Amino acid sequence: MAPDSASRQYVSNADSHSLLVSLERLPGDPGHGFFGPGSVTWRVNRESAVFLGAGRAALLQLAHPWVATALAQHSTLLHDAVGRFHSTFRVIYTMLFGTRAQATEASRQLYQLHTGIRGELPHAVGPYPQGEHYEANEVAALRWVYATLVESAILAYEFVLPPLTSADRQQYYEESQRMAALFGIPAAALPVNWEAFTQYTAAMFASPQLSVNAAALALGHSVLSGGGTWIRPPHWYKALTAYWIPPRLRSEFGLDFHAPEEQAVERAAHWLPRIYPSIPGLLRFVGPFHEAQSRLSGRLPGLMTRKSNHFWMGQPRLLYSK
């Protein structure tokens, strides 16, 4: 069943401010941001391979009818998948690799953006009735978006690199709660540890709270076809995305996963872990990580970093850079 409307929790401006104040009180150098060079978060999210899981994360988010309807009614995803990708990761990378001041400002801007994203479901889907009200600043919906990003990043990272240790996974999850706070999600609304987090995502996969509606189908097709751009994701990438989607949702999205797709995943699983680790760091690590490294060394980001940033974020610098 969907959460009862009376039990829903919404992020207020005061809530968002309180979370940011609590983050600012954390120990550490403000120039390192809320994570820093010793974090598992930087180790994982500097890897361009994390984007192997981007299609999965996007489809799982769209499987939540509130998210799909909000994106259909308030975004350009249907006709400009890359533009939407850039606008999302400008914010996320600034939160991950920016200074505390940059990450905090990105959080404030995201909250303000979300305050204007609200509406009603045009059709009944799963347990949600036609006309049900949604808001982007609703905690359970925000938690699901956050969860897809956290889980998909680890899945993609471990597809091409040695798995994290149990201790590193737990540290990664604990660090990710700072990202959740930047999204407006209070710690009390999150699973207590990595094991509980995986139980939460498994329960969501089995829950009718995830139900693919017409908006999700159209937007999912746009994501996997590079809608509005010249970019066409290769067959092996679409096969890997389908492989990582739970079977029920794979079926609801109409994703093929037969012998050709299985073979494509097997080939990717064979070659990518052999090729990827040998890629030079200048190319393997994303531009925002290189920009953070330059900042910590007292340098401005170089040409290659700015070009990499433009590829990943659609602009040469993190948000609010001076």
C-alpha atoms as a PDB file:
ATOM      1  CA  MET A   1       0.000   0.000   0.000  1.00  0.00           C
ATOM      2  CA  ALA A   2       1.047   3.606  -0.579  1.00  0.00           C
ATOM      3  CA  PRO A   3       1.714   5.667   2.557  1.00  0.00           C
ATOM      4  CA  ASP A   4      -1.432   7.202   4.010  1.00  0.00           C
ATOM      5  CA  SER A   5      -1.651  10.924   3.258  1.00  0.00           C
ATOM      6  CA  ALA A   6      -1.907  11.729   6.964  1.00  0.00           C
ATOM      7  CA  SER A   7       1.446  10.025   7.638  1.00  0.00           C
ATOM      8  CA  ARG A   8       3.391  11.774   4.912  1.00  0.00           C
ATOM      9  CA  GLN A   9       6.238  14.022   5.951  1.00  0.00           C
ATOM     10  CA  TYR A  10       7.256  17.085   3.976  1.00  0.00           C
ATOM     11  CA  VAL A  11      10.512  19.032   4.178  1.00  0.00           C
ATOM     12  CA  SER A  12       9.883  22.600   5.313  1.00  0.00           C
ATOM     13  CA  ASN A  13      12.264  25.514   4.869  1.00  0.00           C
ATOM     14  CA  ALA A  14      13.009  25.313   8.597  1.00  0.00           C
ATOM     15  CA  ASP A  15      13.743  21.575   8.279  1.00  0.00           C
ATOM     16  CA  SER A  16      16.151  22.182   5.407  1.00  0.00           C
ATOM     17  CA  HIS A  17      17.911  24.970   7.306  1.00  0.00           C
ATOM     18  CA  SER A  18      18.243  22.812  10.427  1.00  0.00           C
ATOM     19  CA  LEU A  19      19.822  19.969   8.457  1.00  0.00           C
ATOM     20  CA  LEU A  20      22.339  22.335   6.862  1.00  0.00           C
ATOM     21  CA  VAL A  21      23.255  23.797  10.259  1.00  0.00           C
ATOM     22  CA  SER A  22      23.881  20.287  11.599  1.00  0.00           C
ATOM     23  CA  LEU A  23      26.136  19.513   8.627  1.00  0.00           C
ATOM     24  CA  GLU A  24      28.133  22.694   9.134  1.00  0.00           C
ATOM     25  CA  ARG A  25      28.898  21.557  12.684  1.00  0.00           C
ATOM     26  CA  LEU A  26      30.664  18.424  11.465  1.00  0.00           C
ATOM     27  CA  PRO A  27      34.439  18.441  12.002  1.00  0.00           C
ATOM     28  CA  GLY A  28      36.670  18.934   8.983  1.00  0.00           C
ATOM     29  CA  ASP A  29      38.109  21.512   6.623  1.00  0.00           C
ATOM     30  CA  PRO A  30      35.329  23.513   4.886  1.00  0.00           C
ATOM     31  CA  GLY A  31      37.424  23.473   1.708  1.00  0.00           C
ATOM     32  CA  HIS A  32      37.201  19.674   1.636  1.00  0.00           C
ATOM     33  CA  GLY A  33      33.424  19.833   1.530  1.00  0.00           C
ATOM     34  CA  PHE A  34      31.306  17.354   3.465  1.00  0.00           C
ATOM     35  CA  PHE A  35      33.302  14.298   2.342  1.00  0.00           C
ATOM     36  CA  GLY A  36      36.906  14.945   1.395  1.00  0.00           C
ATOM     37  CA  PRO A  37      39.918  13.025   0.059  1.00  0.00           C
ATOM     38  CA  GLY A  38      39.860  10.336   2.750  1.00  0.00           C
ATOM     39  CA  SER A  39      36.231   9.409   2.201  1.00  0.00           C
ATOM     40  CA  VAL A  40      34.856   6.289   0.561  1.00  0.00           C
ATOM     41  CA  THR A  41      32.411   8.652  -1.167  1.00  0.00           C
ATOM     42  CA  TRP A  42      35.211  10.303  -3.146  1.00  0.00           C
ATOM     43  CA  ARG A  43      36.821   6.943  -3.876  1.00  0.00           C
ATOM     44  CA  VAL A  44      33.597   5.601  -5.383  1.00  0.00           C
ATOM     45  CA  ASN A  45      32.082   8.658  -7.037  1.00  0.00           C
ATOM     46  CA  ARG A  46      35.262   9.852  -8.738  1.00  0.00           C
ATOM     47  CA  GLU A  47      34.945   6.797 -11.012  1.00  0.00           C
ATOM     48  CA  SER A  48      33.355   7.395 -14.407  1.00  0.00           C
ATOM     49  CA  ALA A  49      32.248   3.740 -14.210  1.00  0.00           C
ATOM     50  CA  VAL A  50      29.575   4.813 -11.732  1.00  0.00           C
ATOM     51  CA  PHE A  51      27.591   5.940 -14.771  1.00  0.00           C
ATOM     52  CA  LEU A  52      27.143   2.319 -15.759  1.00  0.00           C
ATOM     53  CA  GLY A  53      24.401   2.426 -13.136  1.00  0.00           C
ATOM     54  CA  ALA A  54      22.877   5.746 -14.218  1.00  0.00           C
ATOM     55  CA  GLY A  55      20.262   4.137 -16.460  1.00  0.00           C
ATOM     56  CA  ARG A  56      19.262   1.769 -13.665  1.00  0.00           C
ATOM     57  CA  ALA A  57      18.961   4.593 -11.139  1.00  0.00           C
ATOM     58  CA  ALA A  58      16.890   6.672 -13.554  1.00  0.00           C
ATOM     59  CA  LEU A  59      14.443   3.849 -14.308  1.00  0.00           C
ATOM     60  CA  LEU A  60      14.051   2.908 -10.655  1.00  0.00           C
ATOM     61  CA  GLN A  61      13.258   6.533  -9.848  1.00  0.00           C
ATOM     62  CA  LEU A  62      10.714   6.636 -12.670  1.00  0.00           C
ATOM     63  CA  ALA A  63       9.077   3.502 -11.258  1.00  0.00           C
ATOM     64  CA  HIS A  64       7.798   5.703  -8.428  1.00  0.00           C
ATOM     65  CA  PRO A  65       4.655   7.275  -9.920  1.00  0.00           C
ATOM     66  CA  TRP A  66       5.155  10.553  -8.074  1.00  0.00           C
ATOM     67  CA  VAL A  67       8.657  10.927  -9.514  1.00  0.00           C
ATOM     68  CA  ALA A  68       7.600   9.950 -13.042  1.00  0.00           C
ATOM     69  CA  THR A  69       4.638  12.341 -13.033  1.00  0.00           C
ATOM     70  CA  ALA A  70       6.699  15.182 -11.579  1.00  0.00           C
ATOM     71  CA  LEU A  71       9.365  14.737 -14.257  1.00  0.00           C
ATOM     72  CA  ALA A  72       6.754  14.490 -17.010  1.00  0.00           C
ATOM     73  CA  GLN A  73       5.018  17.663 -15.825  1.00  0.00           C
ATOM     74  CA  HIS A  74       7.984  19.749 -14.668  1.00  0.00           C
ATOM     75  CA  SER A  75      11.120  18.723 -16.607  1.00  0.00           C
ATOM     76  CA  THR A  76      12.588  18.430 -20.096  1.00  0.00           C
ATOM     77  CA  LEU A  77      13.571  14.765 -19.698  1.00  0.00           C
ATOM     78  CA  LEU A  78      11.254  13.529 -22.446  1.00  0.00           C
ATOM     79  CA  HIS A  79      12.859  15.708 -25.125  1.00  0.00           C
ATOM     80  CA  ASP A  80      16.293  16.441 -23.660  1.00  0.00           C
ATOM     81  CA  ALA A  81      17.673  13.486 -21.720  1.00  0.00           C
ATOM     82  CA  VAL A  82      21.244  14.821 -21.725  1.00  0.00           C
ATOM     83  CA  GLY A  83      20.154  18.269 -20.572  1.00  0.00           C
ATOM     84  CA  ARG A  84      18.272  16.727 -17.686  1.00  0.00           C
ATOM     85  CA  PHE A  85      21.277  14.504 -16.909  1.00  0.00           C
ATOM     86  CA  HIS A  86      23.547  17.577 -16.809  1.00  0.00           C
ATOM     87  CA  SER A  87      21.214  19.616 -14.602  1.00  0.00           C
ATOM     88  CA  THR A  88      20.970  16.745 -12.125  1.00  0.00           C
ATOM     89  CA  PHE A  89      24.683  16.027 -11.899  1.00  0.00           C
ATOM     90  CA  ARG A  90      25.672  19.687 -11.656  1.00  0.00           C
ATOM     91  CA  VAL A  91      23.888  19.631  -8.313  1.00  0.00           C
ATOM     92  CA  ILE A  92      25.036  16.177  -7.200  1.00  0.00           C
ATOM     93  CA  TYR A  93      28.692  16.702  -8.102  1.00  0.00           C
ATOM     94  CA  THR A  94      28.715  20.086  -6.379  1.00  0.00           C
ATOM     95  CA  MET A  95      27.393  18.409  -3.238  1.00  0.00           C
ATOM     96  CA  LEU A  96      29.974  15.621  -3.510  1.00  0.00           C
ATOM     97  CA  PHE A  97      33.106  17.501  -4.568  1.00  0.00           C
ATOM     98  CA  GLY A  98      32.425  21.165  -3.821  1.00  0.00           C
ATOM     99  CA  THR A  99      33.383  23.134  -0.731  1.00  0.00           C
ATOM    100  CA  ARG A 100      30.929  23.214   2.137  1.00  0.00           C
ATOM    101  CA  ALA A 101      29.735  26.632   0.997  1.00  0.00           C
ATOM    102  CA  GLN A 102      29.141  25.333  -2.544  1.00  0.00           C
ATOM    103  CA  ALA A 103      27.368  22.177  -1.357  1.00  0.00           C
ATOM    104  CA  THR A 104      25.187  24.158   1.036  1.00  0.00           C
ATOM    105  CA  GLU A 105      24.155  26.618  -1.663  1.00  0.00           C
ATOM    106  CA  ALA A 106      23.373  23.739  -4.043  1.00  0.00           C
ATOM    107  CA  SER A 107      21.165  22.237  -1.324  1.00  0.00           C
ATOM    108  CA  ARG A 108      19.305  25.525  -0.820  1.00  0.00           C
ATOM    109  CA  GLN A 109      18.728  25.919  -4.550  1.00  0.00           C
ATOM    110  CA  LEU A 110      17.524  22.311  -4.847  1.00  0.00           C
ATOM    111  CA  TYR A 111      15.046  22.846  -2.006  1.00  0.00           C
ATOM    112  CA  GLN A 112      13.691  25.993  -3.685  1.00  0.00           C
ATOM    113  CA  LEU A 113      13.376  24.164  -6.993  1.00  0.00           C
ATOM    114  CA  HIS A 114      11.502  21.308  -5.335  1.00  0.00           C
ATOM    115  CA  THR A 115       9.023  23.666  -3.638  1.00  0.00           C
ATOM    116  CA  GLY A 116       7.539  24.447  -7.060  1.00  0.00           C
ATOM    117  CA  ILE A 117       7.229  20.808  -8.133  1.00  0.00           C
ATOM    118  CA  ARG A 118       3.785  19.645  -7.112  1.00  0.00           C
ATOM    119  CA  GLY A 119       0.615  18.481  -8.782  1.00  0.00           C
ATOM    120  CA  GLU A 120      -1.839  15.594  -9.107  1.00  0.00           C
ATOM    121  CA  LEU A 121      -1.579  12.161 -10.670  1.00  0.00           C
ATOM    122  CA  PRO A 122      -3.543  12.221 -13.950  1.00  0.00           C
ATOM    123  CA  HIS A 123      -4.393   8.518 -13.727  1.00  0.00           C
ATOM    124  CA  ALA A 124      -4.586   5.841 -11.052  1.00  0.00           C
ATOM    125  CA  VAL A 125      -1.508   3.608 -10.875  1.00  0.00           C
ATOM    126  CA  GLY A 126      -0.749   0.811  -8.424  1.00  0.00           C
ATOM    127  CA  PRO A 127      -2.058   1.876  -5.002  1.00  0.00           C
ATOM    128  CA  TYR A 128      -2.188   5.561  -5.989  1.00  0.00           C
ATOM    129  CA  PRO A 129      -5.626   6.952  -6.986  1.00  0.00           C
ATOM    130  CA  GLN A 130      -6.252   9.391  -9.815  1.00  0.00           C
ATOM    131  CA  GLY A 131      -5.876  12.952  -8.585  1.00  0.00           C
ATOM    132  CA  GLU A 132      -3.558  12.089  -5.694  1.00  0.00           C
ATOM    133  CA  HIS A 133      -1.451  15.082  -4.729  1.00  0.00           C
ATOM    134  CA  TYR A 134       2.331  14.866  -4.941  1.00  0.00           C
ATOM    135  CA  GLU A 135       5.157  17.173  -3.904  1.00  0.00           C
ATOM    136  CA  ALA A 136       8.865  16.843  -4.665  1.00  0.00           C
ATOM    137  CA  ASN A 137       9.774  17.763  -1.074  1.00  0.00           C
ATOM    138  CA  GLU A 138       8.000  14.720   0.356  1.00  0.00           C
ATOM    139  CA  VAL A 139      10.464  12.720   2.455  1.00  0.00           C
ATOM    140  CA  ALA A 140       9.579   9.188   1.280  1.00  0.00           C
ATOM    141  CA  ALA A 141       9.897  10.147  -2.399  1.00  0.00           C
ATOM    142  CA  LEU A 142      13.199  11.955  -1.751  1.00  0.00           C
ATOM    143  CA  ARG A 143      14.450   8.901   0.162  1.00  0.00           C
ATOM    144  CA  TRP A 144      13.724   6.652  -2.802  1.00  0.00           C
ATOM    145  CA  VAL A 145      15.606   8.915  -5.234  1.00  0.00           C
ATOM    146  CA  TYR A 146      18.557   9.059  -2.830  1.00  0.00           C
ATOM    147  CA  ALA A 147      18.495   5.266  -2.373  1.00  0.00           C
ATOM    148  CA  THR A 148      18.630   4.577  -6.109  1.00  0.00           C
ATOM    149  CA  LEU A 149      21.727   6.769  -6.445  1.00  0.00           C
ATOM    150  CA  VAL A 150      23.540   5.208  -3.481  1.00  0.00           C
ATOM    151  CA  GLU A 151      22.797   1.599  -4.401  1.00  0.00           C
ATOM    152  CA  SER A 152      23.392   1.995  -8.150  1.00  0.00           C
ATOM    153  CA  ALA A 153      26.769   3.668  -7.576  1.00  0.00           C
ATOM    154  CA  ILE A 154      28.007   0.689  -5.537  1.00  0.00           C
ATOM    155  CA  LEU A 155      26.599  -1.813  -8.027  1.00  0.00           C
ATOM    156  CA  ALA A 156      28.382  -0.117 -10.933  1.00  0.00           C
ATOM    157  CA  TYR A 157      31.635   0.410  -9.009  1.00  0.00           C
ATOM    158  CA  GLU A 158      31.848  -3.261  -8.066  1.00  0.00           C
ATOM    159  CA  PHE A 159      31.055  -4.356 -11.621  1.00  0.00           C
ATOM    160  CA  VAL A 160      34.495  -3.157 -12.778  1.00  0.00           C
ATOM    161  CA  LEU A 161      36.564  -2.851  -9.581  1.00  0.00           C
ATOM    162  CA  PRO A 162      37.178  -5.068  -6.518  1.00  0.00           C
ATOM    163  CA  PRO A 163      34.222  -5.083  -4.119  1.00  0.00           C
ATOM    164  CA  LEU A 164      34.267  -2.798  -1.116  1.00  0.00           C
ATOM    165  CA  THR A 165      34.855  -4.410   2.246  1.00  0.00           C
ATOM    166  CA  SER A 166      31.945  -4.615   4.678  1.00  0.00           C
ATOM    167  CA  ALA A 167      33.525  -1.817   6.698  1.00  0.00           C
ATOM    168  CA  ASP A 168      33.893   0.365   3.605  1.00  0.00           C
ATOM    169  CA  ARG A 169      30.282  -0.250   2.608  1.00  0.00           C
ATOM    170  CA  GLN A 170      29.116   0.785   6.044  1.00  0.00           C
ATOM    171  CA  GLN A 171      31.341   3.881   5.934  1.00  0.00           C
ATOM    172  CA  TYR A 172      30.034   4.724   2.458  1.00  0.00           C
ATOM    173  CA  TYR A 173      26.468   4.448   3.726  1.00  0.00           C
ATOM    174  CA  GLU A 174      27.186   6.586   6.790  1.00  0.00           C
ATOM    175  CA  GLU A 175      28.791   9.225   4.574  1.00  0.00           C
ATOM    176  CA  SER A 176      25.836   9.065   2.182  1.00  0.00           C
ATOM    177  CA  GLN A 177      23.586  10.291   4.987  1.00  0.00           C
ATOM    178  CA  ARG A 178      25.264  13.675   4.581  1.00  0.00           C
ATOM    179  CA  MET A 179      24.104  13.663   0.974  1.00  0.00           C
ATOM    180  CA  ALA A 180      20.637  12.705   2.211  1.00  0.00           C
ATOM    181  CA  ALA A 181      20.681  15.725   4.540  1.00  0.00           C
ATOM    182  CA  LEU A 182      21.623  17.952   1.604  1.00  0.00           C
ATOM    183  CA  PHE A 183      18.557  16.525  -0.170  1.00  0.00           C
ATOM    184  CA  GLY A 184      16.438  17.454   2.872  1.00  0.00           C
ATOM    185  CA  ILE A 185      16.083  13.946   4.314  1.00  0.00           C
ATOM    186  CA  PRO A 186      16.446  13.720   8.121  1.00  0.00           C
ATOM    187  CA  ALA A 187      18.554  10.913   9.598  1.00  0.00           C
ATOM    188  CA  ALA A 188      15.503   9.546  11.419  1.00  0.00           C
ATOM    189  CA  ALA A 189      13.889   8.765   8.050  1.00  0.00           C
ATOM    190  CA  LEU A 190      16.831   6.620   6.891  1.00  0.00           C
ATOM    191  CA  PRO A 191      17.695   2.957   7.548  1.00  0.00           C
ATOM    192  CA  VAL A 192      20.129   2.621  10.438  1.00  0.00           C
ATOM    193  CA  ASN A 193      22.940   0.842   8.560  1.00  0.00           C
ATOM    194  CA  TRP A 194      23.905  -0.693   5.212  1.00  0.00           C
ATOM    195  CA  GLU A 195      22.166  -3.990   5.946  1.00  0.00           C
ATOM    196  CA  ALA A 196      18.925  -2.203   6.832  1.00  0.00           C
ATOM    197  CA  PHE A 197      19.343  -0.047   3.739  1.00  0.00           C
ATOM    198  CA  THR A 198      19.500  -3.099   1.455  1.00  0.00           C
ATOM    199  CA  GLN A 199      16.438  -4.503   3.213  1.00  0.00           C
ATOM    200  CA  TYR A 200      14.622  -1.236   2.523  1.00  0.00           C
ATOM    201  CA  THR A 201      15.451  -1.300  -1.200  1.00  0.00           C
ATOM    202  CA  ALA A 202      14.447  -4.979  -1.466  1.00  0.00           C
ATOM    203  CA  ALA A 203      11.122  -4.197   0.202  1.00  0.00           C
ATOM    204  CA  MET A 204      10.555  -1.311  -2.221  1.00  0.00           C
ATOM    205  CA  PHE A 205      11.262  -3.579  -5.213  1.00  0.00           C
ATOM    206  CA  ALA A 206       8.506  -5.918  -4.027  1.00  0.00           C
ATOM    207  CA  SER A 207       6.107  -3.131  -3.090  1.00  0.00           C
ATOM    208  CA  PRO A 208       3.279  -1.788  -5.300  1.00  0.00           C
ATOM    209  CA  GLN A 209       4.581   1.667  -4.347  1.00  0.00           C
ATOM    210  CA  LEU A 210       6.765   1.123  -7.420  1.00  0.00           C
ATOM    211  CA  SER A 211       4.396   0.854 -10.379  1.00  0.00           C
ATOM    212  CA  VAL A 212       5.240   1.903 -13.922  1.00  0.00           C
ATOM    213  CA  ASN A 213       2.726   4.331 -15.423  1.00  0.00           C
ATOM    214  CA  ALA A 214       2.492   5.823 -18.919  1.00  0.00           C
ATOM    215  CA  ALA A 215       4.734   8.744 -17.980  1.00  0.00           C
ATOM    216  CA  ALA A 216       7.412   6.365 -16.676  1.00  0.00           C
ATOM    217  CA  LEU A 217       7.263   4.299 -19.875  1.00  0.00           C
ATOM    218  CA  ALA A 218       7.706   7.345 -22.109  1.00  0.00           C
ATOM    219  CA  LEU A 219      10.475   8.835 -19.973  1.00  0.00           C
ATOM    220  CA  GLY A 220      12.246   5.498 -19.591  1.00  0.00           C
ATOM    221  CA  HIS A 221      12.286   5.080 -23.358  1.00  0.00           C
ATOM    222  CA  SER A 222      13.735   8.584 -23.672  1.00  0.00           C
ATOM    223  CA  VAL A 223      16.495   7.776 -21.167  1.00  0.00           C
ATOM    224  CA  LEU A 224      17.528   4.526 -22.884  1.00  0.00           C
ATOM    225  CA  SER A 225      17.291   5.936 -26.412  1.00  0.00           C
ATOM    226  CA  GLY A 226      19.087   9.234 -25.740  1.00  0.00           C
ATOM    227  CA  GLY A 227      15.942  11.221 -26.495  1.00  0.00           C
ATOM    228  CA  GLY A 228      16.557  14.687 -27.909  1.00  0.00           C
ATOM    229  CA  THR A 229      20.282  14.046 -28.513  1.00  0.00           C
ATOM    230  CA  TRP A 230      22.624  12.418 -30.994  1.00  0.00           C
ATOM    231  CA  ILE A 231      23.787  10.007 -28.257  1.00  0.00           C
ATOM    232  CA  ARG A 232      22.473   6.464 -28.574  1.00  0.00           C
ATOM    233  CA  PRO A 233      23.320   4.157 -25.643  1.00  0.00           C
ATOM    234  CA  PRO A 234      24.853   0.918 -26.982  1.00  0.00           C
ATOM    235  CA  HIS A 235      23.029  -2.395 -26.792  1.00  0.00           C
ATOM    236  CA  TRP A 236      25.307  -3.735 -24.067  1.00  0.00           C
ATOM    237  CA  TYR A 237      24.514  -0.708 -21.837  1.00  0.00           C
ATOM    238  CA  LYS A 238      20.759  -1.182 -22.248  1.00  0.00           C
ATOM    239  CA  ALA A 239      21.202  -4.913 -21.590  1.00  0.00           C
ATOM    240  CA  LEU A 240      23.155  -4.173 -18.395  1.00  0.00           C
ATOM    241  CA  THR A 241      20.471  -1.741 -17.262  1.00  0.00           C
ATOM    242  CA  ALA A 242      17.775  -4.364 -17.857  1.00  0.00           C
ATOM    243  CA  TYR A 243      19.872  -6.964 -15.998  1.00  0.00           C
ATOM    244  CA  TRP A 244      20.069  -4.715 -12.937  1.00  0.00           C
ATOM    245  CA  ILE A 245      16.330  -3.955 -12.883  1.00  0.00           C
ATOM    246  CA  PRO A 246      14.145  -6.304 -10.774  1.00  0.00           C
ATOM    247  CA  PRO A 247      12.215  -8.680 -13.076  1.00  0.00           C
ATOM    248  CA  ARG A 248       8.787  -7.242 -12.235  1.00  0.00           C
ATOM    249  CA  LEU A 249       9.834  -3.697 -13.104  1.00  0.00           C
ATOM    250  CA  ARG A 250      11.823  -4.911 -16.117  1.00  0.00           C
ATOM    251  CA  SER A 251       8.607  -6.386 -17.447  1.00  0.00           C
ATOM    252  CA  GLU A 252       6.579  -3.261 -16.660  1.00  0.00           C
ATOM    253  CA  PHE A 253       9.136  -1.119 -18.512  1.00  0.00           C
ATOM    254  CA  GLY A 254       9.000  -3.537 -21.463  1.00  0.00           C
ATOM    255  CA  LEU A 255      12.759  -4.166 -21.370  1.00  0.00           C
ATOM    256  CA  ASP A 256      14.091  -7.072 -23.371  1.00  0.00           C
ATOM    257  CA  PHE A 257      16.307  -9.511 -21.520  1.00  0.00           C
ATOM    258  CA  HIS A 258      16.723 -12.673 -23.543  1.00  0.00           C
ATOM    259  CA  ALA A 259      19.704 -14.580 -24.920  1.00  0.00           C
ATOM    260  CA  PRO A 260      21.236 -11.607 -26.842  1.00  0.00           C
ATOM    261  CA  GLU A 261      21.014  -9.388 -23.749  1.00  0.00           C
ATOM    262  CA  GLU A 262      22.398 -12.088 -21.469  1.00  0.00           C
ATOM    263  CA  GLN A 263      25.345 -12.557 -23.821  1.00  0.00           C
ATOM    264  CA  ALA A 264      25.950  -8.798 -23.952  1.00  0.00           C
ATOM    265  CA  VAL A 265      26.074  -8.632 -20.144  1.00  0.00           C
ATOM    266  CA  GLU A 266      28.433 -11.620 -19.997  1.00  0.00           C
ATOM    267  CA  ARG A 267      30.793  -9.963 -22.497  1.00  0.00           C
ATOM    268  CA  ALA A 268      30.703  -6.684 -20.548  1.00  0.00           C
ATOM    269  CA  ALA A 269      31.370  -8.527 -17.294  1.00  0.00           C
ATOM    270  CA  HIS A 270      34.357 -10.228 -18.923  1.00  0.00           C
ATOM    271  CA  TRP A 271      36.022  -7.247 -20.594  1.00  0.00           C
ATOM    272  CA  LEU A 272      35.213  -4.173 -18.544  1.00  0.00           C
ATOM    273  CA  PRO A 273      36.976  -5.288 -15.319  1.00  0.00           C
ATOM    274  CA  ARG A 274      40.066  -6.048 -17.424  1.00  0.00           C
ATOM    275  CA  ILE A 275      40.128  -2.785 -19.365  1.00  0.00           C
ATOM    276  CA  TYR A 276      38.743  -0.181 -16.998  1.00  0.00           C
ATOM    277  CA  PRO A 277      41.399  -0.229 -14.213  1.00  0.00           C
ATOM    278  CA  SER A 278      44.152   0.434 -16.784  1.00  0.00           C
ATOM    279  CA  ILE A 279      42.580   3.692 -18.008  1.00  0.00           C
ATOM    280  CA  PRO A 280      44.720   6.673 -16.906  1.00  0.00           C
ATOM    281  CA  GLY A 281      43.218   8.596 -14.001  1.00  0.00           C
ATOM    282  CA  LEU A 282      43.014  11.787 -16.055  1.00  0.00           C
ATOM    283  CA  LEU A 283      40.331  10.078 -18.146  1.00  0.00           C
ATOM    284  CA  ARG A 284      38.993   7.491 -15.724  1.00  0.00           C
ATOM    285  CA  PHE A 285      38.128   9.935 -12.920  1.00  0.00           C
ATOM    286  CA  VAL A 286      35.388  12.490 -13.538  1.00  0.00           C
ATOM    287  CA  GLY A 287      36.150  16.180 -13.941  1.00  0.00           C
ATOM    288  CA  PRO A 288      34.507  17.303 -10.669  1.00  0.00           C
ATOM    289  CA  PHE A 289      36.926  15.086  -8.733  1.00  0.00           C
ATOM    290  CA  HIS A 290      39.880  16.606 -10.611  1.00  0.00           C
ATOM    291  CA  GLU A 291      38.517  20.081  -9.873  1.00  0.00           C
ATOM    292  CA  ALA A 292      38.375  19.223  -6.167  1.00  0.00           C
ATOM    293  CA  GLN A 293      41.958  17.925  -6.325  1.00  0.00           C
ATOM    294  CA  SER A 294      43.072  21.155  -7.985  1.00  0.00           C
ATOM    295  CA  ARG A 295      41.301  23.215  -5.333  1.00  0.00           C
ATOM    296  CA  LEU A 296      42.996  21.309  -2.505  1.00  0.00           C
ATOM    297  CA  SER A 297      46.343  21.941  -4.204  1.00  0.00           C
ATOM    298  CA  GLY A 298      45.638  25.662  -4.545  1.00  0.00           C
ATOM    299  CA  ARG A 299      45.317  25.509  -8.333  1.00  0.00           C
ATOM    300  CA  LEU A 300      42.598  26.390 -10.811  1.00  0.00           C
ATOM    301  CA  PRO A 301      41.240  23.443 -12.812  1.00  0.00           C
ATOM    302  CA  GLY A 302      43.126  22.874 -16.070  1.00  0.00           C
ATOM    303  CA  LEU A 303      41.796  22.598 -19.589  1.00  0.00           C
ATOM    304  CA  MET A 304      41.278  18.833 -19.475  1.00  0.00           C
ATOM    305  CA  THR A 305      39.369  19.112 -16.198  1.00  0.00           C
ATOM    306  CA  ARG A 306      37.139  21.855 -17.585  1.00  0.00           C
ATOM    307  CA  LYS A 307      36.421  19.786 -20.695  1.00  0.00           C
ATOM    308  CA  SER A 308      35.639  16.732 -18.562  1.00  0.00           C
ATOM    309  CA  ASN A 309      33.328  18.849 -16.410  1.00  0.00           C
ATOM    310  CA  HIS A 310      31.543  20.016 -19.521  1.00  0.00           C
ATOM    311  CA  PHE A 311      30.997  16.411 -20.583  1.00  0.00           C
ATOM    312  CA  TRP A 312      29.655  15.293 -17.197  1.00  0.00           C
ATOM    313  CA  MET A 313      27.836  18.469 -16.090  1.00  0.00           C
ATOM    314  CA  GLY A 314      27.368  20.624 -19.188  1.00  0.00           C
ATOM    315  CA  GLN A 315      29.558  23.407 -17.788  1.00  0.00           C
ATOM    316  CA  PRO A 316      33.291  23.827 -17.058  1.00  0.00           C
ATOM    317  CA  ARG A 317      33.137  24.314 -13.289  1.00  0.00           C
ATOM    318  CA  LEU A 318      31.192  23.119 -10.283  1.00  0.00           C
ATOM    319  CA  LEU A 319      28.267  25.315  -9.275  1.00  0.00           C
ATOM    320  CA  TYR A 320      29.092  28.573  -7.502  1.00  0.00           C
ATOM    321  CA  SER A 321      32.829  28.351  -8.269  1.00  0.00           C
ATOM    322  CA  LYS A 322      34.677  31.659  -8.166  1.00  0.00           C
END
